[in-house]
Protein backbone atom coordinates (compact mmCIF):
# COMPACT_ATOMS: atom_id res chain seq x y z
CA UNK A 1 1.52 -86.74 -98.96
CA UNK A 2 3.16 -87.96 -95.84
CA UNK A 3 4.64 -84.74 -94.97
CA UNK A 4 1.28 -82.94 -95.36
CA UNK A 5 -0.22 -85.73 -93.15
CA UNK A 6 2.21 -85.27 -90.56
CA UNK A 7 1.89 -81.67 -90.52
CA UNK A 8 -1.87 -81.86 -90.39
CA UNK A 9 -1.86 -84.28 -87.50
CA UNK A 10 0.45 -81.83 -85.45
CA UNK A 11 -1.81 -79.04 -86.50
CA UNK A 12 -5.05 -80.93 -85.40
CA UNK A 13 -3.28 -82.04 -82.01
CA UNK A 14 -1.20 -78.72 -81.55
CA UNK A 15 -2.15 -78.54 -77.67
CA UNK A 16 -1.41 -82.05 -77.00
CA UNK A 17 1.72 -82.41 -79.08
CA UNK A 18 4.89 -82.23 -77.47
CA UNK A 19 7.76 -79.69 -78.89
CA UNK A 20 9.52 -82.92 -80.12
CA UNK A 21 6.49 -84.19 -82.03
CA UNK A 22 6.07 -80.86 -83.61
CA UNK A 23 9.81 -80.57 -84.41
CA UNK A 24 9.73 -83.89 -85.95
CA UNK A 25 7.08 -83.05 -88.29
CA UNK A 26 8.70 -79.92 -89.32
CA UNK A 27 12.29 -81.40 -89.70
CA UNK A 28 10.79 -84.06 -91.94
CA UNK A 29 9.10 -81.38 -93.99
CA UNK A 30 12.22 -79.41 -94.36
CA UNK A 31 14.31 -82.49 -95.13
CA UNK A 32 11.84 -83.28 -97.96
CA UNK A 33 11.85 -79.75 -99.28
CA UNK A 34 15.75 -79.77 -99.13
CA UNK A 35 15.77 -82.73 -101.16
CA UNK A 36 13.20 -81.62 -103.79
CA UNK A 37 14.72 -78.27 -104.40
CA UNK A 38 18.37 -79.67 -104.65
CA UNK A 39 17.07 -82.20 -107.17
CA UNK A 40 14.83 -79.77 -109.07
CA UNK A 41 17.38 -77.00 -109.43
CA UNK A 42 20.37 -78.92 -110.04
CA UNK A 43 22.11 -78.49 -113.46
CA UNK A 44 21.37 -82.18 -114.29
CA UNK A 45 17.58 -81.33 -113.99
CA UNK A 46 15.84 -81.33 -117.23
CA UNK A 47 13.02 -79.07 -115.81
CA UNK A 48 12.62 -75.65 -117.61
CA UNK A 49 14.21 -72.72 -115.89
CA UNK A 50 11.12 -71.18 -114.78
CA UNK A 51 10.02 -74.38 -113.10
CA UNK A 52 13.22 -74.52 -111.33
CA UNK A 53 12.75 -70.95 -110.19
CA UNK A 54 9.14 -71.38 -109.02
CA UNK A 55 10.30 -74.67 -106.99
CA UNK A 56 13.44 -72.65 -105.42
CA UNK A 57 11.03 -69.73 -104.56
CA UNK A 58 8.40 -72.19 -102.83
CA UNK A 59 11.44 -73.84 -101.09
CA UNK A 60 12.40 -70.47 -99.64
CA UNK A 61 8.76 -69.68 -98.58
CA UNK A 62 8.59 -73.09 -96.87
CA UNK A 63 11.58 -72.59 -94.95
CA UNK A 64 10.62 -69.14 -93.71
CA UNK A 65 7.28 -70.36 -93.06
CA UNK A 66 8.72 -73.23 -90.83
CA UNK A 67 10.47 -70.68 -88.79
CA UNK A 68 7.25 -68.65 -88.55
CA UNK A 69 5.52 -71.73 -87.11
CA UNK A 70 8.24 -72.26 -84.54
CA UNK A 71 8.55 -68.74 -83.32
CA UNK A 72 5.01 -67.76 -83.30
CA UNK A 73 3.55 -71.14 -81.71
CA UNK A 74 0.54 -70.63 -84.12
CA UNK A 75 -0.89 -73.94 -85.62
CA UNK A 76 -2.75 -72.01 -88.29
CA UNK A 77 0.53 -71.10 -89.92
CA UNK A 78 0.91 -74.66 -90.83
CA UNK A 79 -2.04 -74.30 -93.35
CA UNK A 80 0.09 -72.97 -96.34
CA UNK A 81 2.69 -75.77 -95.65
CA UNK A 82 0.07 -78.45 -95.67
CA UNK A 83 -1.53 -76.84 -98.74
CA UNK A 84 1.62 -76.60 -100.72
CA UNK A 85 2.73 -80.18 -100.03
CA UNK A 86 -0.72 -81.47 -101.02
CA UNK A 87 -0.70 -79.31 -104.34
CA UNK A 88 2.70 -80.62 -105.31
CA UNK A 89 1.86 -84.24 -104.50
CA UNK A 90 -1.44 -84.13 -106.44
CA UNK A 91 0.27 -82.58 -109.31
CA UNK A 92 3.12 -85.12 -109.38
CA UNK A 93 0.56 -87.81 -109.05
CA UNK A 94 -1.57 -86.47 -111.92
CA UNK A 95 1.42 -86.38 -114.27
CA UNK A 96 2.58 -89.89 -113.24
CA UNK A 97 -1.00 -91.15 -114.05
CA UNK A 98 -1.08 -89.26 -117.49
CA UNK A 99 2.18 -90.75 -118.49
């Protein structure tokens, strides 16, 4: 949720944000996804293979979309990153509450 909140803030304040602030939010999100995809797809992960594949595909999309945001200078391109992060976070929270 923290990554989604940071991206949302950058989107909302796009015109007033510096390149460094935008980059910080995007780098934070990339690091988060790097950790998530590495952990989820490792051989030690007990996730089913189809879930591993889905997470890997999402990570590829996130990395490509990040580049698109940077190269197009279009804050609307952040929507998909924000929505994916929120959906993953909500799913993890719901799972933790169920356990």
